Amino acid sequence: MPLNIKQFYDSNTHSDNDYPGSRRASSTPEEKPCRACSDFKSWSAASNSIFHPLFQDESKKKEVECPLNKSELGNQTWGFLHTMAAYFPDKPSTDDQRDMAQFLRLFSKFYPCPTCARDFTKLIEKEPPRTSSQTELKHWLCWAHNQVNKKLGKPKFDCSKLDERWKYGWKDGSCDV
């Protein structure tokens, strides 16, 4: 029986295909576990990592829940968008291609920072999202992110490292702690 939405989010045992509309195939034994599909403990157990003591009791970790400032919102937004692109289908259907392009247009329209929203909307109008494949979307998004980085005086991201950064983790194992 499929999980309802509350059970899905409360569970640490769901798979990628448990939620409505999922198009992601389950990981095969050769693939690394999906980092975006589970919490750290579940991912670590699936990848045979040893838990670092820091992660033994997450309930002891105190978080201050405050509204995001512009910088935090931007960083988390880019993380979300790059991760979504990393899991976009390799061969998306025509509907997937259209829906992703529409999502990005609507996302830019309703983005909470008015200046950021206006700038990203203009960028999309100038150079529409490329959604014909996962690779095209990842590289278009990296290009767009680098346009924003340039405007903000931040360093350019090396687009050849997209999967390391947003899907599998760095080759040096630093994400496997």
C-alpha atoms as a PDB file:
ATOM      1  CA  MET A   1       0.000   0.000   0.000  1.00  0.00           C
ATOM      2  CA  PRO A   2       1.450   3.411  -0.946  1.00  0.00           C
ATOM      3  CA  LEU A   3       2.410   5.790   1.831  1.00  0.00           C
ATOM      4  CA  ASN A   4       0.289   8.879   2.342  1.00  0.00           C
ATOM      5  CA  ILE A   5       2.160  12.168   2.272  1.00  0.00           C
ATOM      6  CA  LYS A   6       2.528  12.385   6.091  1.00  0.00           C
ATOM      7  CA  GLN A   7       3.817   8.799   6.300  1.00  0.00           C
ATOM      8  CA  PHE A   8       6.239   9.503   3.473  1.00  0.00           C
ATOM      9  CA  TYR A   9       7.799  12.471   5.224  1.00  0.00           C
ATOM     10  CA  ASP A  10       7.778  10.798   8.652  1.00  0.00           C
ATOM     11  CA  SER A  11       9.430   7.643   7.315  1.00  0.00           C
ATOM     12  CA  ASN A  12      13.140   7.060   6.851  1.00  0.00           C
ATOM     13  CA  THR A  13      12.492   3.948   4.766  1.00  0.00           C
ATOM     14  CA  HIS A  14      10.727   5.339   1.709  1.00  0.00           C
ATOM     15  CA  SER A  15      12.169   4.973  -1.759  1.00  0.00           C
ATOM     16  CA  ASP A  16      12.362   7.527  -4.538  1.00  0.00           C
ATOM     17  CA  ASN A  17       9.323   6.003  -6.176  1.00  0.00           C
ATOM     18  CA  ASP A  18       7.010   6.218  -3.145  1.00  0.00           C
ATOM     19  CA  TYR A  19       5.825   9.752  -3.727  1.00  0.00           C
ATOM     20  CA  PRO A  20       3.215  10.756  -6.295  1.00  0.00           C
ATOM     21  CA  GLY A  21       4.704  11.728  -9.645  1.00  0.00           C
ATOM     22  CA  SER A  22       8.104  10.168  -9.039  1.00  0.00           C
ATOM     23  CA  ARG A  23      10.023   9.500 -12.220  1.00  0.00           C
ATOM     24  CA  ARG A  24      13.357   8.509 -10.675  1.00  0.00           C
ATOM     25  CA  ALA A  25      14.283   4.864 -10.942  1.00  0.00           C
ATOM     26  CA  SER A  26      15.440   3.143  -7.774  1.00  0.00           C
ATOM     27  CA  SER A  27      19.172   2.858  -7.269  1.00  0.00           C
ATOM     28  CA  THR A  28      20.784  -0.253  -8.625  1.00  0.00           C
ATOM     29  CA  PRO A  29      23.511  -2.023  -6.646  1.00  0.00           C
ATOM     30  CA  GLU A  30      26.172  -0.398  -8.879  1.00  0.00           C
ATOM     31  CA  GLU A  31      24.887   3.117  -8.167  1.00  0.00           C
ATOM     32  CA  LYS A  32      25.780   5.147  -5.130  1.00  0.00           C
ATOM     33  CA  PRO A  33      22.819   5.667  -2.769  1.00  0.00           C
ATOM     34  CA  CYS A  34      20.680   8.704  -3.525  1.00  0.00           C
ATOM     35  CA  ARG A  35      21.798  11.440  -1.100  1.00  0.00           C
ATOM     36  CA  ALA A  36      18.785  13.629  -1.867  1.00  0.00           C
ATOM     37  CA  CYS A  37      16.371  10.795  -1.094  1.00  0.00           C
ATOM     38  CA  SER A  38      17.207  10.148   2.550  1.00  0.00           C
ATOM     39  CA  ASP A  39      18.501  11.729   5.709  1.00  0.00           C
ATOM     40  CA  PHE A  40      22.172  11.463   6.658  1.00  0.00           C
ATOM     41  CA  LYS A  41      21.753   8.403   8.906  1.00  0.00           C
ATOM     42  CA  SER A  42      19.836   6.428   6.271  1.00  0.00           C
ATOM     43  CA  TRP A  43      22.281   7.405   3.532  1.00  0.00           C
ATOM     44  CA  SER A  44      25.269   6.563   5.698  1.00  0.00           C
ATOM     45  CA  ALA A  45      23.851   3.154   6.601  1.00  0.00           C
ATOM     46  CA  ALA A  46      23.145   2.403   2.940  1.00  0.00           C
ATOM     47  CA  SER A  47      26.643   3.416   1.904  1.00  0.00           C
ATOM     48  CA  ASN A  48      28.292   1.441   4.730  1.00  0.00           C
ATOM     49  CA  SER A  49      29.775   4.555   6.313  1.00  0.00           C
ATOM     50  CA  ILE A  50      30.557   4.765  10.000  1.00  0.00           C
ATOM     51  CA  PHE A  51      28.582   7.434  11.837  1.00  0.00           C
ATOM     52  CA  HIS A  52      30.639  10.295  13.122  1.00  0.00           C
ATOM     53  CA  PRO A  53      29.841  10.942  16.830  1.00  0.00           C
ATOM     54  CA  LEU A  54      28.510  14.350  15.842  1.00  0.00           C
ATOM     55  CA  PHE A  55      25.567  12.645  14.150  1.00  0.00           C
ATOM     56  CA  GLN A  56      24.742  10.119  16.882  1.00  0.00           C
ATOM     57  CA  ASP A  57      22.023  12.215  18.488  1.00  0.00           C
ATOM     58  CA  GLU A  58      20.660  14.898  16.231  1.00  0.00           C
ATOM     59  CA  SER A  59      18.081  15.830  18.882  1.00  0.00           C
ATOM     60  CA  LYS A  60      20.870  17.428  20.932  1.00  0.00           C
ATOM     61  CA  LYS A  61      21.702  19.758  18.084  1.00  0.00           C
ATOM     62  CA  LYS A  62      20.129  23.133  18.724  1.00  0.00           C
ATOM     63  CA  GLU A  63      18.931  24.983  15.670  1.00  0.00           C
ATOM     64  CA  VAL A  64      17.727  28.529  15.651  1.00  0.00           C
ATOM     65  CA  GLU A  65      14.765  28.734  13.327  1.00  0.00           C
ATOM     66  CA  CYS A  66      14.843  32.229  11.901  1.00  0.00           C
ATOM     67  CA  PRO A  67      13.702  33.552   8.531  1.00  0.00           C
ATOM     68  CA  LEU A  68      16.354  33.284   5.846  1.00  0.00           C
ATOM     69  CA  ASN A  69      18.217  36.417   4.853  1.00  0.00           C
ATOM     70  CA  LYS A  70      18.943  37.172   1.188  1.00  0.00           C
ATOM     71  CA  SER A  71      22.278  35.324   1.186  1.00  0.00           C
ATOM     72  CA  GLU A  72      20.918  32.233   2.976  1.00  0.00           C
ATOM     73  CA  LEU A  73      17.893  32.157   0.683  1.00  0.00           C
ATOM     74  CA  GLY A  74      20.128  32.382  -2.373  1.00  0.00           C
ATOM     75  CA  ASN A  75      22.487  29.624  -1.201  1.00  0.00           C
ATOM     76  CA  GLN A  76      19.655  27.261  -0.315  1.00  0.00           C
ATOM     77  CA  THR A  77      17.784  28.060  -3.528  1.00  0.00           C
ATOM     78  CA  TRP A  78      20.811  27.241  -5.664  1.00  0.00           C
ATOM     79  CA  GLY A  79      21.340  24.038  -3.687  1.00  0.00           C
ATOM     80  CA  PHE A  80      17.741  23.021  -4.337  1.00  0.00           C
ATOM     81  CA  LEU A  81      17.843  23.897  -8.043  1.00  0.00           C
ATOM     82  CA  HIS A  82      21.180  22.169  -8.688  1.00  0.00           C
ATOM     83  CA  THR A  83      20.054  19.064  -6.793  1.00  0.00           C
ATOM     84  CA  MET A  84      16.790  18.977  -8.729  1.00  0.00           C
ATOM     85  CA  ALA A  85      18.750  19.227 -11.993  1.00  0.00           C
ATOM     86  CA  ALA A  86      21.098  16.429 -10.863  1.00  0.00           C
ATOM     87  CA  TYR A  87      18.083  14.107 -10.573  1.00  0.00           C
ATOM     88  CA  PHE A  88      16.234  15.315 -13.675  1.00  0.00           C
ATOM     89  CA  PRO A  89      15.696  12.456 -16.162  1.00  0.00           C
ATOM     90  CA  ASP A  90      18.516  11.760 -18.617  1.00  0.00           C
ATOM     91  CA  LYS A  91      15.919  11.467 -21.357  1.00  0.00           C
ATOM     92  CA  PRO A  92      12.974  13.580 -20.189  1.00  0.00           C
ATOM     93  CA  SER A  93       9.600  13.292 -21.857  1.00  0.00           C
ATOM     94  CA  THR A  94       8.233  16.276 -23.744  1.00  0.00           C
ATOM     95  CA  ASP A  95       5.993  16.938 -20.739  1.00  0.00           C
ATOM     96  CA  ASP A  96       8.977  16.828 -18.346  1.00  0.00           C
ATOM     97  CA  GLN A  97      10.880  19.278 -20.528  1.00  0.00           C
ATOM     98  CA  ARG A  98       7.941  21.672 -20.707  1.00  0.00           C
ATOM     99  CA  ASP A  99       7.148  21.329 -16.997  1.00  0.00           C
ATOM    100  CA  MET A 100      10.725  22.033 -15.897  1.00  0.00           C
ATOM    101  CA  ALA A 101      10.966  25.123 -18.098  1.00  0.00           C
ATOM    102  CA  GLN A 102       7.609  26.316 -16.755  1.00  0.00           C
ATOM    103  CA  PHE A 103       8.694  25.568 -13.171  1.00  0.00           C
ATOM    104  CA  LEU A 104      11.802  27.724 -13.575  1.00  0.00           C
ATOM    105  CA  ARG A 105       9.778  30.579 -15.097  1.00  0.00           C
ATOM    106  CA  LEU A 106       7.205  30.444 -12.286  1.00  0.00           C
ATOM    107  CA  PHE A 107       9.899  30.005  -9.639  1.00  0.00           C
ATOM    108  CA  SER A 108      11.612  33.184 -10.822  1.00  0.00           C
ATOM    109  CA  LYS A 109       8.284  35.031 -10.897  1.00  0.00           C
ATOM    110  CA  PHE A 110       7.428  34.217  -7.269  1.00  0.00           C
ATOM    111  CA  TYR A 111      10.934  34.293  -5.779  1.00  0.00           C
ATOM    112  CA  PRO A 112      10.778  36.288  -2.509  1.00  0.00           C
ATOM    113  CA  CYS A 113      13.637  38.711  -3.342  1.00  0.00           C
ATOM    114  CA  PRO A 114      12.130  41.166  -5.881  1.00  0.00           C
ATOM    115  CA  THR A 115      15.465  42.240  -7.398  1.00  0.00           C
ATOM    116  CA  CYS A 116      16.651  38.626  -7.652  1.00  0.00           C
ATOM    117  CA  ALA A 117      13.329  37.564  -9.187  1.00  0.00           C
ATOM    118  CA  ARG A 118      13.444  40.344 -11.765  1.00  0.00           C
ATOM    119  CA  ASP A 119      17.062  39.574 -12.702  1.00  0.00           C
ATOM    120  CA  PHE A 120      16.471  35.817 -13.004  1.00  0.00           C
ATOM    121  CA  THR A 121      13.302  36.379 -15.041  1.00  0.00           C
ATOM    122  CA  LYS A 122      15.299  38.568 -17.459  1.00  0.00           C
ATOM    123  CA  LEU A 123      18.029  35.931 -17.644  1.00  0.00           C
ATOM    124  CA  ILE A 124      15.446  33.233 -18.500  1.00  0.00           C
ATOM    125  CA  GLU A 125      13.875  35.457 -21.154  1.00  0.00           C
ATOM    126  CA  LYS A 126      17.312  36.099 -22.693  1.00  0.00           C
ATOM    127  CA  GLU A 127      18.467  32.470 -22.530  1.00  0.00           C
ATOM    128  CA  PRO A 128      15.577  30.017 -21.877  1.00  0.00           C
ATOM    129  CA  PRO A 129      16.245  26.930 -19.738  1.00  0.00           C
ATOM    130  CA  ARG A 130      17.624  23.977 -21.672  1.00  0.00           C
ATOM    131  CA  THR A 131      15.591  20.986 -20.606  1.00  0.00           C
ATOM    132  CA  SER A 132      16.205  18.431 -23.368  1.00  0.00           C
ATOM    133  CA  SER A 133      18.341  16.278 -21.035  1.00  0.00           C
ATOM    134  CA  GLN A 134      19.746  16.141 -17.525  1.00  0.00           C
ATOM    135  CA  THR A 135      23.135  17.260 -18.837  1.00  0.00           C
ATOM    136  CA  GLU A 136      21.638  20.229 -20.700  1.00  0.00           C
ATOM    137  CA  LEU A 137      19.664  21.339 -17.633  1.00  0.00           C
ATOM    138  CA  LYS A 138      22.619  20.956 -15.255  1.00  0.00           C
ATOM    139  CA  HIS A 139      24.891  22.967 -17.539  1.00  0.00           C
ATOM    140  CA  TRP A 140      22.280  25.661 -18.239  1.00  0.00           C
ATOM    141  CA  LEU A 141      21.699  26.054 -14.503  1.00  0.00           C
ATOM    142  CA  CYS A 142      25.449  26.215 -13.845  1.00  0.00           C
ATOM    143  CA  TRP A 143      25.749  28.890 -16.536  1.00  0.00           C
ATOM    144  CA  ALA A 144      22.846  30.842 -14.965  1.00  0.00           C
ATOM    145  CA  HIS A 145      24.347  30.500 -11.480  1.00  0.00           C
ATOM    146  CA  ASN A 146      27.697  31.733 -12.782  1.00  0.00           C
ATOM    147  CA  GLN A 147      25.950  34.772 -14.323  1.00  0.00           C
ATOM    148  CA  VAL A 148      24.614  35.610 -10.855  1.00  0.00           C
ATOM    149  CA  ASN A 149      28.004  34.891  -9.242  1.00  0.00           C
ATOM    150  CA  LYS A 150      29.665  37.283 -11.695  1.00  0.00           C
ATOM    151  CA  LYS A 151      27.149  40.022 -10.873  1.00  0.00           C
ATOM    152  CA  LEU A 152      27.770  39.490  -7.137  1.00  0.00           C
ATOM    153  CA  GLY A 153      31.556  39.408  -7.521  1.00  0.00           C
ATOM    154  CA  LYS A 154      31.731  35.751  -6.488  1.00  0.00           C
ATOM    155  CA  PRO A 155      34.008  33.137  -8.081  1.00  0.00           C
ATOM    156  CA  LYS A 156      32.816  31.142 -11.065  1.00  0.00           C
ATOM    157  CA  PHE A 157      31.899  27.495 -10.377  1.00  0.00           C
ATOM    158  CA  ASP A 158      33.641  24.832 -12.483  1.00  0.00           C
ATOM    159  CA  CYS A 159      30.702  23.251 -14.335  1.00  0.00           C
ATOM    160  CA  SER A 160      32.688  20.042 -14.916  1.00  0.00           C
ATOM    161  CA  LYS A 161      32.256  19.281 -11.199  1.00  0.00           C
ATOM    162  CA  LEU A 162      28.439  19.414 -11.057  1.00  0.00           C
ATOM    163  CA  ASP A 163      27.845  15.748 -10.185  1.00  0.00           C
ATOM    164  CA  GLU A 164      30.573  15.781  -7.542  1.00  0.00           C
ATOM    165  CA  ARG A 165      29.089  18.861  -5.905  1.00  0.00           C
ATOM    166  CA  TRP A 166      25.375  18.183  -6.237  1.00  0.00           C
ATOM    167  CA  LYS A 167      24.859  14.435  -6.591  1.00  0.00           C
ATOM    168  CA  TYR A 168      27.649  12.073  -5.494  1.00  0.00           C
ATOM    169  CA  GLY A 169      29.923  14.100  -3.249  1.00  0.00           C
ATOM    170  CA  TRP A 170      33.553  15.107  -3.596  1.00  0.00           C
ATOM    171  CA  LYS A 171      36.031  12.477  -4.786  1.00  0.00           C
ATOM    172  CA  ASP A 172      38.171  13.060  -1.694  1.00  0.00           C
ATOM    173  CA  GLY A 173      35.442  11.449   0.445  1.00  0.00           C
ATOM    174  CA  SER A 174      34.830  14.587   2.512  1.00  0.00           C
ATOM    175  CA  CYS A 175      31.063  14.179   2.074  1.00  0.00           C
ATOM    176  CA  ASP A 176      31.156  10.601   3.383  1.00  0.00           C
ATOM    177  CA  VAL A 177      31.847  11.545   7.016  1.00  0.00           C
END
